[in-house]
mmCIF file of all heavy atoms, coordinates in Angstrom:
data_MODEL
# 
_entry.id   MODEL 
# 
loop_
_atom_site.group_PDB 
_atom_site.id 
_atom_site.type_symbol 
_atom_site.label_atom_id 
_atom_site.label_alt_id 
_atom_site.label_comp_id 
_atom_site.label_asym_id 
_atom_site.label_entity_id 
_atom_site.label_seq_id 
_atom_site.pdbx_PDB_ins_code 
_atom_site.Cartn_x 
_atom_site.Cartn_y 
_atom_site.Cartn_z 
_atom_site.occupancy 
_atom_site.B_iso_or_equiv 
_atom_site.pdbx_formal_charge 
_atom_site.auth_seq_id 
_atom_site.auth_comp_id 
_atom_site.auth_asym_id 
_atom_site.auth_atom_id 
_atom_site.pdbx_PDB_model_num 
ATOM 1   N N   . LEU A 1 1  ? 90.052  127.322 93.383  1.00 0.00 ? 1  LEU A N   1 
ATOM 2   C CA  . LEU A 1 1  ? 90.708  127.523 94.683  1.00 0.00 ? 1  LEU A CA  1 
ATOM 3   C C   . LEU A 1 1  ? 89.735  127.280 95.837  1.00 0.00 ? 1  LEU A C   1 
ATOM 4   O O   . LEU A 1 1  ? 90.118  126.732 96.878  1.00 0.00 ? 1  LEU A O   1 
ATOM 5   C CB  . LEU A 1 1  ? 91.274  128.945 94.784  1.00 0.00 ? 1  LEU A CB  1 
ATOM 6   C CG  . LEU A 1 1  ? 92.590  129.207 94.079  1.00 0.00 ? 1  LEU A CG  1 
ATOM 7   C CD1 . LEU A 1 1  ? 92.908  130.696 94.067  1.00 0.00 ? 1  LEU A CD1 1 
ATOM 8   C CD2 . LEU A 1 1  ? 93.714  128.431 94.739  1.00 0.00 ? 1  LEU A CD2 1 
ATOM 9   N N   . VAL A 1 2  ? 88.481  127.678 95.655  1.00 0.00 ? 2  VAL A N   1 
ATOM 10  C CA  . VAL A 1 2  ? 87.472  127.512 96.706  1.00 0.00 ? 2  VAL A CA  1 
ATOM 11  C C   . VAL A 1 2  ? 87.199  126.027 96.968  1.00 0.00 ? 2  VAL A C   1 
ATOM 12  O O   . VAL A 1 2  ? 87.029  125.617 98.121  1.00 0.00 ? 2  VAL A O   1 
ATOM 13  C CB  . VAL A 1 2  ? 86.171  128.261 96.326  1.00 0.00 ? 2  VAL A CB  1 
ATOM 14  C CG1 . VAL A 1 2  ? 85.028  127.901 97.250  1.00 0.00 ? 2  VAL A CG1 1 
ATOM 15  C CG2 . VAL A 1 2  ? 86.415  129.767 96.341  1.00 0.00 ? 2  VAL A CG2 1 
ATOM 16  N N   . VAL A 1 3  ? 87.176  125.221 95.915  1.00 0.00 ? 3  VAL A N   1 
ATOM 17  C CA  . VAL A 1 3  ? 86.862  123.793 96.075  1.00 0.00 ? 3  VAL A CA  1 
ATOM 18  C C   . VAL A 1 3  ? 88.130  122.924 96.110  1.00 0.00 ? 3  VAL A C   1 
ATOM 19  O O   . VAL A 1 3  ? 88.055  121.717 95.904  1.00 0.00 ? 3  VAL A O   1 
ATOM 20  C CB  . VAL A 1 3  ? 85.905  123.301 94.966  1.00 0.00 ? 3  VAL A CB  1 
ATOM 21  C CG1 . VAL A 1 3  ? 84.587  124.036 95.021  1.00 0.00 ? 3  VAL A CG1 1 
ATOM 22  C CG2 . VAL A 1 3  ? 86.543  123.399 93.602  1.00 0.00 ? 3  VAL A CG2 1 
ATOM 23  N N   . LYS A 1 4  ? 89.262  123.545 96.384  1.00 0.00 ? 4  LYS A N   1 
ATOM 24  C CA  . LYS A 1 4  ? 90.542  122.829 96.376  1.00 0.00 ? 4  LYS A CA  1 
ATOM 25  C C   . LYS A 1 4  ? 90.528  121.637 97.326  1.00 0.00 ? 4  LYS A C   1 
ATOM 26  O O   . LYS A 1 4  ? 90.960  120.537 96.974  1.00 0.00 ? 4  LYS A O   1 
ATOM 27  C CB  . LYS A 1 4  ? 91.677  123.782 96.739  1.00 0.00 ? 4  LYS A CB  1 
ATOM 28  C CG  . LYS A 1 4  ? 93.039  123.125 96.799  1.00 0.00 ? 4  LYS A CG  1 
ATOM 29  C CD  . LYS A 1 4  ? 94.100  124.102 97.224  1.00 0.00 ? 4  LYS A CD  1 
ATOM 30  C CE  . LYS A 1 4  ? 93.860  124.404 98.670  1.00 0.00 ? 4  LYS A CE  1 
ATOM 31  N NZ  . LYS A 1 4  ? 94.956  124.936 99.413  1.00 0.00 ? 4  LYS A NZ  1 
ATOM 32  N N   . GLN A 1 5  ? 90.002  121.796 98.530  1.00 0.00 ? 5  GLN A N   1 
ATOM 33  C CA  . GLN A 1 5  ? 90.014  120.703 99.509  1.00 0.00 ? 5  GLN A CA  1 
ATOM 34  C C   . GLN A 1 5  ? 89.139  119.540 99.047  1.00 0.00 ? 5  GLN A C   1 
ATOM 35  O O   . GLN A 1 5  ? 89.502  118.387 99.220  1.00 0.00 ? 5  GLN A O   1 
ATOM 36  C CB  . GLN A 1 5  ? 89.571  121.198 100.894 1.00 0.00 ? 5  GLN A CB  1 
ATOM 37  C CG  . GLN A 1 5  ? 89.766  120.177 101.990 1.00 0.00 ? 5  GLN A CG  1 
ATOM 38  C CD  . GLN A 1 5  ? 91.219  119.707 102.106 1.00 0.00 ? 5  GLN A CD  1 
ATOM 39  O OE1 . GLN A 1 5  ? 92.145  120.500 102.125 1.00 0.00 ? 5  GLN A OE1 1 
ATOM 40  N NE2 . GLN A 1 5  ? 91.419  118.396 102.172 1.00 0.00 ? 5  GLN A NE2 1 
ATOM 41  N N   . GLN A 1 6  ? 88.002  119.848 98.447  1.00 0.00 ? 6  GLN A N   1 
ATOM 42  C CA  . GLN A 1 6  ? 87.151  118.781 97.911  1.00 0.00 ? 6  GLN A CA  1 
ATOM 43  C C   . GLN A 1 6  ? 87.875  118.020 96.797  1.00 0.00 ? 6  GLN A C   1 
ATOM 44  O O   . GLN A 1 6  ? 87.764  116.796 96.688  1.00 0.00 ? 6  GLN A O   1 
ATOM 45  C CB  . GLN A 1 6  ? 85.841  119.364 97.377  1.00 0.00 ? 6  GLN A CB  1 
ATOM 46  C CG  . GLN A 1 6  ? 84.960  119.956 98.456  1.00 0.00 ? 6  GLN A CG  1 
ATOM 47  C CD  . GLN A 1 6  ? 83.794  120.727 97.863  1.00 0.00 ? 6  GLN A CD  1 
ATOM 48  O OE1 . GLN A 1 6  ? 83.748  120.995 96.672  1.00 0.00 ? 6  GLN A OE1 1 
ATOM 49  N NE2 . GLN A 1 6  ? 82.837  121.083 98.717  1.00 0.00 ? 6  GLN A NE2 1 
ATOM 50  N N   . LEU A 1 7  ? 88.625  118.740 95.989  1.00 0.00 ? 7  LEU A N   1 
ATOM 51  C CA  . LEU A 1 7  ? 89.408  118.116 94.923  1.00 0.00 ? 7  LEU A CA  1 
ATOM 52  C C   . LEU A 1 7  ? 90.481  117.203 95.517  1.00 0.00 ? 7  LEU A C   1 
ATOM 53  O O   . LEU A 1 7  ? 90.664  116.071 95.066  1.00 0.00 ? 7  LEU A O   1 
ATOM 54  C CB  . LEU A 1 7  ? 90.041  119.197 94.049  1.00 0.00 ? 7  LEU A CB  1 
ATOM 55  C CG  . LEU A 1 7  ? 90.877  118.749 92.861  1.00 0.00 ? 7  LEU A CG  1 
ATOM 56  C CD1 . LEU A 1 7  ? 90.026  117.968 91.871  1.00 0.00 ? 7  LEU A CD1 1 
ATOM 57  C CD2 . LEU A 1 7  ? 91.492  119.956 92.174  1.00 0.00 ? 7  LEU A CD2 1 
ATOM 58  N N   . ILE A 1 8  ? 91.159  117.675 96.542  1.00 0.00 ? 8  ILE A N   1 
ATOM 59  C CA  . ILE A 1 8  ? 92.187  116.862 97.207  1.00 0.00 ? 8  ILE A CA  1 
ATOM 60  C C   . ILE A 1 8  ? 91.562  115.605 97.796  1.00 0.00 ? 8  ILE A C   1 
ATOM 61  O O   . ILE A 1 8  ? 92.094  114.495 97.642  1.00 0.00 ? 8  ILE A O   1 
ATOM 62  C CB  . ILE A 1 8  ? 92.911  117.687 98.298  1.00 0.00 ? 8  ILE A CB  1 
ATOM 63  C CG1 . ILE A 1 8  ? 93.761  118.781 97.649  1.00 0.00 ? 8  ILE A CG1 1 
ATOM 64  C CG2 . ILE A 1 8  ? 93.776  116.795 99.186  1.00 0.00 ? 8  ILE A CG2 1 
ATOM 65  C CD1 . ILE A 1 8  ? 94.319  119.798 98.616  1.00 0.00 ? 8  ILE A CD1 1 
ATOM 66  N N   . ASP A 1 9  ? 90.427  115.756 98.476  1.00 0.00 ? 9  ASP A N   1 
ATOM 67  C CA  . ASP A 1 9  ? 89.752  114.595 99.077  1.00 0.00 ? 9  ASP A CA  1 
ATOM 68  C C   . ASP A 1 9  ? 89.356  113.573 98.010  1.00 0.00 ? 9  ASP A C   1 
ATOM 69  O O   . ASP A 1 9  ? 89.489  112.365 98.216  1.00 0.00 ? 9  ASP A O   1 
ATOM 70  C CB  . ASP A 1 9  ? 88.523  115.044 99.873  1.00 0.00 ? 9  ASP A CB  1 
ATOM 71  C CG  . ASP A 1 9  ? 88.893  115.887 101.093 1.00 0.00 ? 9  ASP A CG  1 
ATOM 72  O OD1 . ASP A 1 9  ? 90.066  115.826 101.534 1.00 0.00 ? 9  ASP A OD1 1 
ATOM 73  O OD2 . ASP A 1 9  ? 88.006  116.611 101.603 1.00 0.00 ? 9  ASP A OD2 1 
ATOM 74  N N   . ALA A 1 10 ? 88.857  114.052 96.877  1.00 0.00 ? 10 ALA A N   1 
ATOM 75  C CA  . ALA A 1 10 ? 88.451  113.142 95.793  1.00 0.00 ? 10 ALA A CA  1 
ATOM 76  C C   . ALA A 1 10 ? 89.660  112.397 95.223  1.00 0.00 ? 10 ALA A C   1 
ATOM 77  O O   . ALA A 1 10 ? 89.575  111.192 94.940  1.00 0.00 ? 10 ALA A O   1 
ATOM 78  C CB  . ALA A 1 10 ? 87.738  113.918 94.694  1.00 0.00 ? 10 ALA A CB  1 
ATOM 79  N N   . ILE A 1 11 ? 90.780  113.084 95.072  1.00 0.00 ? 11 ILE A N   1 
ATOM 80  C CA  . ILE A 1 11 ? 91.984  112.430 94.549  1.00 0.00 ? 11 ILE A CA  1 
ATOM 81  C C   . ILE A 1 11 ? 92.522  111.410 95.542  1.00 0.00 ? 11 ILE A C   1 
ATOM 82  O O   . ILE A 1 11 ? 92.910  110.303 95.158  1.00 0.00 ? 11 ILE A O   1 
ATOM 83  C CB  . ILE A 1 11 ? 93.055  113.485 94.188  1.00 0.00 ? 11 ILE A CB  1 
ATOM 84  C CG1 . ILE A 1 11 ? 92.573  114.351 93.024  1.00 0.00 ? 11 ILE A CG1 1 
ATOM 85  C CG2 . ILE A 1 11 ? 94.380  112.807 93.830  1.00 0.00 ? 11 ILE A CG2 1 
ATOM 86  C CD1 . ILE A 1 11 ? 93.465  115.543 92.733  1.00 0.00 ? 11 ILE A CD1 1 
ATOM 87  N N   . VAL A 1 12 ? 92.512  111.751 96.832  1.00 0.00 ? 12 VAL A N   1 
ATOM 88  C CA  . VAL A 1 12 ? 92.981  110.808 97.863  1.00 0.00 ? 12 VAL A CA  1 
ATOM 89  C C   . VAL A 1 12 ? 92.089  109.572 97.876  1.00 0.00 ? 12 VAL A C   1 
ATOM 90  O O   . VAL A 1 12 ? 92.580  108.431 97.929  1.00 0.00 ? 12 VAL A O   1 
ATOM 91  C CB  . VAL A 1 12 ? 93.022  111.491 99.252  1.00 0.00 ? 12 VAL A CB  1 
ATOM 92  C CG1 . VAL A 1 12 ? 93.204  110.465 100.365 1.00 0.00 ? 12 VAL A CG1 1 
ATOM 93  C CG2 . VAL A 1 12 ? 94.123  112.526 99.300  1.00 0.00 ? 12 VAL A CG2 1 
ATOM 94  N N   . LYS A 1 13 ? 90.776  109.782 97.795  1.00 0.00 ? 13 LYS A N   1 
ATOM 95  C CA  . LYS A 1 13 ? 89.842  108.655 97.801  1.00 0.00 ? 13 LYS A CA  1 
ATOM 96  C C   . LYS A 1 13 ? 90.060  107.759 96.584  1.00 0.00 ? 13 LYS A C   1 
ATOM 97  O O   . LYS A 1 13 ? 90.103  106.527 96.703  1.00 0.00 ? 13 LYS A O   1 
ATOM 98  C CB  . LYS A 1 13 ? 88.398  109.175 97.831  1.00 0.00 ? 13 LYS A CB  1 
ATOM 99  C CG  . LYS A 1 13 ? 87.368  108.079 97.862  1.00 0.00 ? 13 LYS A CG  1 
ATOM 100 C CD  . LYS A 1 13 ? 85.963  108.652 97.873  1.00 0.00 ? 13 LYS A CD  1 
ATOM 101 C CE  . LYS A 1 13 ? 84.952  107.519 97.810  1.00 0.00 ? 13 LYS A CE  1 
ATOM 102 N NZ  . LYS A 1 13 ? 83.602  108.028 97.648  1.00 0.00 ? 13 LYS A NZ  1 
ATOM 103 N N   . THR A 1 14 ? 90.216  108.363 95.417  1.00 0.00 ? 14 THR A N   1 
ATOM 104 C CA  . THR A 1 14 ? 90.457  107.596 94.191  1.00 0.00 ? 14 THR A CA  1 
ATOM 105 C C   . THR A 1 14 ? 91.774  106.837 94.272  1.00 0.00 ? 14 THR A C   1 
ATOM 106 O O   . THR A 1 14 ? 91.853  105.678 93.852  1.00 0.00 ? 14 THR A O   1 
ATOM 107 C CB  . THR A 1 14 ? 90.472  108.538 92.970  1.00 0.00 ? 14 THR A CB  1 
ATOM 108 O OG1 . THR A 1 14 ? 89.250  109.259 92.919  1.00 0.00 ? 14 THR A OG1 1 
ATOM 109 C CG2 . THR A 1 14 ? 90.666  107.776 91.681  1.00 0.00 ? 14 THR A CG2 1 
ATOM 110 N N   . THR A 1 15 ? 92.772  107.460 94.833  1.00 0.00 ? 15 THR A N   1 
ATOM 111 C CA  . THR A 1 15 ? 94.080  106.811 94.957  1.00 0.00 ? 15 THR A CA  1 
ATOM 112 C C   . THR A 1 15 ? 94.011  105.628 95.922  1.00 0.00 ? 15 THR A C   1 
ATOM 113 O O   . THR A 1 15 ? 94.589  104.570 95.659  1.00 0.00 ? 15 THR A O   1 
ATOM 114 C CB  . THR A 1 15 ? 95.138  107.823 95.442  1.00 0.00 ? 15 THR A CB  1 
ATOM 115 O OG1 . THR A 1 15 ? 95.173  108.932 94.540  1.00 0.00 ? 15 THR A OG1 1 
ATOM 116 C CG2 . THR A 1 15 ? 96.517  107.197 95.503  1.00 0.00 ? 15 THR A CG2 1 
ATOM 117 N N   . ASN A 1 16 ? 93.301  105.799 97.031  1.00 0.00 ? 16 ASN A N   1 
ATOM 118 C CA  . ASN A 1 16 ? 93.182  104.713 98.008  1.00 0.00 ? 16 ASN A CA  1 
ATOM 119 C C   . ASN A 1 16 ? 92.387  103.536 97.459  1.00 0.00 ? 16 ASN A C   1 
ATOM 120 O O   . ASN A 1 16 ? 92.642  102.388 97.818  1.00 0.00 ? 16 ASN A O   1 
ATOM 121 C CB  . ASN A 1 16 ? 92.557  105.220 99.307  1.00 0.00 ? 16 ASN A CB  1 
ATOM 122 C CG  . ASN A 1 16 ? 93.513  106.121 100.075 1.00 0.00 ? 16 ASN A CG  1 
ATOM 123 O OD1 . ASN A 1 16 ? 94.727  106.056 99.900  1.00 0.00 ? 16 ASN A OD1 1 
ATOM 124 N ND2 . ASN A 1 16 ? 92.962  106.966 100.921 1.00 0.00 ? 16 ASN A ND2 1 
ATOM 125 N N   . GLU A 1 17 ? 91.404  103.794 96.604  1.00 0.00 ? 17 GLU A N   1 
ATOM 126 C CA  . GLU A 1 17 ? 90.574  102.732 96.040  1.00 0.00 ? 17 GLU A CA  1 
ATOM 127 C C   . GLU A 1 17 ? 91.219  102.082 94.825  1.00 0.00 ? 17 GLU A C   1 
ATOM 128 O O   . GLU A 1 17 ? 90.746  101.056 94.342  1.00 0.00 ? 17 GLU A O   1 
ATOM 129 C CB  . GLU A 1 17 ? 89.204  103.303 95.639  1.00 0.00 ? 17 GLU A CB  1 
ATOM 130 C CG  . GLU A 1 17 ? 88.377  103.753 96.825  1.00 0.00 ? 17 GLU A CG  1 
ATOM 131 C CD  . GLU A 1 17 ? 87.094  104.452 96.405  1.00 0.00 ? 17 GLU A CD  1 
ATOM 132 O OE1 . GLU A 1 17 ? 86.884  104.670 95.191  1.00 0.00 ? 17 GLU A OE1 1 
ATOM 133 O OE2 . GLU A 1 17 ? 86.302  104.775 97.297  1.00 0.00 ? 17 GLU A OE2 1 
ATOM 134 N N   . SER A 1 18 ? 92.296  102.676 94.337  1.00 0.00 ? 18 SER A N   1 
ATOM 135 C CA  . SER A 1 18 ? 92.959  102.168 93.144  1.00 0.00 ? 18 SER A CA  1 
ATOM 136 C C   . SER A 1 18 ? 93.623  100.822 93.434  1.00 0.00 ? 18 SER A C   1 
ATOM 137 O O   . SER A 1 18 ? 94.190  100.592 94.492  1.00 0.00 ? 18 SER A O   1 
ATOM 138 C CB  . SER A 1 18 ? 94.023  103.165 92.682  1.00 0.00 ? 18 SER A CB  1 
ATOM 139 O OG  . SER A 1 18 ? 94.771  102.614 91.641  1.00 0.00 ? 18 SER A OG  1 
ATOM 140 N N   . THR A 1 19 ? 93.528  99.929  92.456  1.00 0.00 ? 19 THR A N   1 
ATOM 141 C CA  . THR A 1 19 ? 94.163  98.618  92.584  1.00 0.00 ? 19 THR A CA  1 
ATOM 142 C C   . THR A 1 19 ? 95.429  98.534  91.737  1.00 0.00 ? 19 THR A C   1 
ATOM 143 O O   . THR A 1 19 ? 95.954  97.452  91.504  1.00 0.00 ? 19 THR A O   1 
ATOM 144 C CB  . THR A 1 19 ? 93.177  97.512  92.144  1.00 0.00 ? 19 THR A CB  1 
ATOM 145 O OG1 . THR A 1 19 ? 92.797  97.750  90.790  1.00 0.00 ? 19 THR A OG1 1 
ATOM 146 C CG2 . THR A 1 19 ? 91.966  97.475  93.050  1.00 0.00 ? 19 THR A CG2 1 
ATOM 147 N N   . ALA A 1 20 ? 95.903  99.658  91.289  1.00 0.00 ? 20 ALA A N   1 
ATOM 148 C CA  . ALA A 1 20 ? 97.104  99.688  90.455  1.00 0.00 ? 20 ALA A CA  1 
ATOM 149 C C   . ALA A 1 20 ? 98.310  99.254  91.289  1.00 0.00 ? 20 ALA A C   1 
ATOM 150 O O   . ALA A 1 20 ? 98.415  99.592  92.465  1.00 0.00 ? 20 ALA A O   1 
ATOM 151 C CB  . ALA A 1 20 ? 97.324  101.084 89.905  1.00 0.00 ? 20 ALA A CB  1 
ATOM 152 N N   . PRO A 1 21 ? 99.199  98.502  90.656  1.00 0.00 ? 21 PRO A N   1 
ATOM 153 C CA  . PRO A 1 21 ? 100.395 98.068  91.401  1.00 0.00 ? 21 PRO A CA  1 
ATOM 154 C C   . PRO A 1 21 ? 101.351 99.241  91.630  1.00 0.00 ? 21 PRO A C   1 
ATOM 155 O O   . PRO A 1 21 ? 101.315 100.228 90.913  1.00 0.00 ? 21 PRO A O   1 
ATOM 156 C CB  . PRO A 1 21 ? 101.023 97.020  90.484  1.00 0.00 ? 21 PRO A CB  1 
ATOM 157 C CG  . PRO A 1 21 ? 100.555 97.372  89.113  1.00 0.00 ? 21 PRO A CG  1 
ATOM 158 C CD  . PRO A 1 21 ? 99.190  97.976  89.294  1.00 0.00 ? 21 PRO A CD  1 
ATOM 159 N N   . GLY A 1 22 ? 102.173 99.100  92.626  1.00 0.00 ? 22 GLY A N   1 
ATOM 160 C CA  . GLY A 1 22 ? 103.179 100.113 92.909  1.00 0.00 ? 22 GLY A CA  1 
ATOM 161 C C   . GLY A 1 22 ? 102.816 100.935 94.125  1.00 0.00 ? 22 GLY A C   1 
ATOM 162 O O   . GLY A 1 22 ? 101.713 100.825 94.679  1.00 0.00 ? 22 GLY A O   1 
ATOM 163 N N   . PRO A 1 23 ? 103.766 101.755 94.552  1.00 0.00 ? 23 PRO A N   1 
ATOM 164 C CA  . PRO A 1 23 ? 103.525 102.572 95.743  1.00 0.00 ? 23 PRO A CA  1 
ATOM 165 C C   . PRO A 1 23 ? 102.493 103.669 95.466  1.00 0.00 ? 23 PRO A C   1 
ATOM 166 O O   . PRO A 1 23 ? 102.428 104.218 94.365  1.00 0.00 ? 23 PRO A O   1 
ATOM 167 C CB  . PRO A 1 23 ? 104.892 103.157 96.057  1.00 0.00 ? 23 PRO A CB  1 
ATOM 168 C CG  . PRO A 1 23 ? 105.636 103.130 94.767  1.00 0.00 ? 23 PRO A CG  1 
ATOM 169 C CD  . PRO A 1 23 ? 105.100 101.957 94.008  1.00 0.00 ? 23 PRO A CD  1 
ATOM 170 N N   . LYS A 1 24 ? 101.706 103.952 96.480  1.00 0.00 ? 24 LYS A N   1 
ATOM 171 C CA  . LYS A 1 24 ? 100.692 104.997 96.370  1.00 0.00 ? 24 LYS A CA  1 
ATOM 172 C C   . LYS A 1 24 ? 101.219 106.257 97.063  1.00 0.00 ? 24 LYS A C   1 
ATOM 173 O O   . LYS A 1 24 ? 101.849 106.176 98.112  1.00 0.00 ? 24 LYS A O   1 
ATOM 174 C CB  . LYS A 1 24 ? 99.384  104.546 97.028  1.00 0.00 ? 24 LYS A CB  1 
ATOM 175 C CG  . LYS A 1 24 ? 98.752  103.384 96.313  1.00 0.00 ? 24 LYS A CG  1 
ATOM 176 C CD  . LYS A 1 24 ? 97.457  102.985 96.961  1.00 0.00 ? 24 LYS A CD  1 
ATOM 177 C CE  . LYS A 1 24 ? 96.882  101.775 96.231  1.00 0.00 ? 24 LYS A CE  1 
ATOM 178 N NZ  . LYS A 1 24 ? 95.695  101.272 96.856  1.00 0.00 ? 24 LYS A NZ  1 
ATOM 179 N N   . PRO A 1 25 ? 100.933 107.416 96.470  1.00 0.00 ? 25 PRO A N   1 
ATOM 180 C CA  . PRO A 1 25 ? 101.390 108.657 97.124  1.00 0.00 ? 25 PRO A CA  1 
ATOM 181 C C   . PRO A 1 25 ? 100.620 108.889 98.421  1.00 0.00 ? 25 PRO A C   1 
ATOM 182 O O   . PRO A 1 25 ? 99.458  108.507 98.547  1.00 0.00 ? 25 PRO A O   1 
ATOM 183 C CB  . PRO A 1 25 ? 101.094 109.736 96.092  1.00 0.00 ? 25 PRO A CB  1 
ATOM 184 C CG  . PRO A 1 25 ? 100.061 109.158 95.197  1.00 0.00 ? 25 PRO A CG  1 
ATOM 185 C CD  . PRO A 1 25 ? 100.253 107.684 95.213  1.00 0.00 ? 25 PRO A CD  1 
ATOM 186 N N   . SER A 1 26 ? 101.283 109.546 99.340  1.00 0.00 ? 26 SER A N   1 
ATOM 187 C CA  . SER A 1 26 ? 100.637 109.839 100.619 1.00 0.00 ? 26 SER A CA  1 
ATOM 188 C C   . SER A 1 26 ? 99.640  110.980 100.436 1.00 0.00 ? 26 SER A C   1 
ATOM 189 O O   . SER A 1 26 ? 99.764  111.785 99.510  1.00 0.00 ? 26 SER A O   1 
ATOM 190 C CB  . SER A 1 26 ? 101.682 110.216 101.665 1.00 0.00 ? 26 SER A CB  1 
ATOM 191 O OG  . SER A 1 26 ? 102.244 111.484 101.344 1.00 0.00 ? 26 SER A OG  1 
ATOM 192 N N   . PRO A 1 27 ? 98.646  111.079 101.326 1.00 0.00 ? 27 PRO A N   1 
ATOM 193 C CA  . PRO A 1 27 ? 97.700  112.192 101.238 1.00 0.00 ? 27 PRO A CA  1 
ATOM 194 C C   . PRO A 1 27 ? 98.388  113.556 101.323 1.00 0.00 ? 27 PRO A C   1 
ATOM 195 O O   . PRO A 1 27 ? 97.937  114.515 100.684 1.00 0.00 ? 27 PRO A O   1 
ATOM 196 C CB  . PRO A 1 27 ? 96.771  111.960 102.432 1.00 0.00 ? 27 PRO A CB  1 
ATOM 197 C CG  . PRO A 1 27 ? 96.817  110.480 102.654 1.00 0.00 ? 27 PRO A CG  1 
ATOM 198 C CD  . PRO A 1 27 ? 98.225  110.082 102.304 1.00 0.00 ? 27 PRO A CD  1 
ATOM 199 N N   . ALA A 1 28 ? 99.483  113.638 102.068 1.00 0.00 ? 28 ALA A N   1 
ATOM 200 C CA  . ALA A 1 28 ? 100.210 114.910 102.164 1.00 0.00 ? 28 ALA A CA  1 
ATOM 201 C C   . ALA A 1 28 ? 100.842 115.276 100.814 1.00 0.00 ? 28 ALA A C   1 
ATOM 202 O O   . ALA A 1 28 ? 100.840 116.458 100.416 1.00 0.00 ? 28 ALA A O   1 
ATOM 203 C CB  . ALA A 1 28 ? 101.277 114.826 103.240 1.00 0.00 ? 28 ALA A CB  1 
ATOM 204 N N   . ASP A 1 29 ? 101.391 114.270 100.112 1.00 0.00 ? 29 ASP A N   1 
ATOM 205 C CA  . ASP A 1 29 ? 101.972 114.526 98.796  1.00 0.00 ? 29 ASP A CA  1 
ATOM 206 C C   . ASP A 1 29 ? 100.898 114.949 97.795  1.00 0.00 ? 29 ASP A C   1 
ATOM 207 O O   . ASP A 1 29 ? 101.119 115.843 96.979  1.00 0.00 ? 29 ASP A O   1 
ATOM 208 C CB  . ASP A 1 29 ? 102.692 113.282 98.277  1.00 0.00 ? 29 ASP A CB  1 
ATOM 209 C CG  . ASP A 1 29 ? 103.972 112.972 99.032  1.00 0.00 ? 29 ASP A CG  1 
ATOM 210 O OD1 . ASP A 1 29 ? 104.489 113.892 99.709  1.00 0.00 ? 29 ASP A OD1 1 
ATOM 211 O OD2 . ASP A 1 29 ? 104.438 111.820 98.958  1.00 0.00 ? 29 ASP A OD2 1 
# 
């Protein structure tokens, strides 16, 4: 819970750098 925001940031960064086809989830999602 303490590092939740860091986890969210890492997932958003990984998702943005992903080259997988299809729609990407928004950072809010």
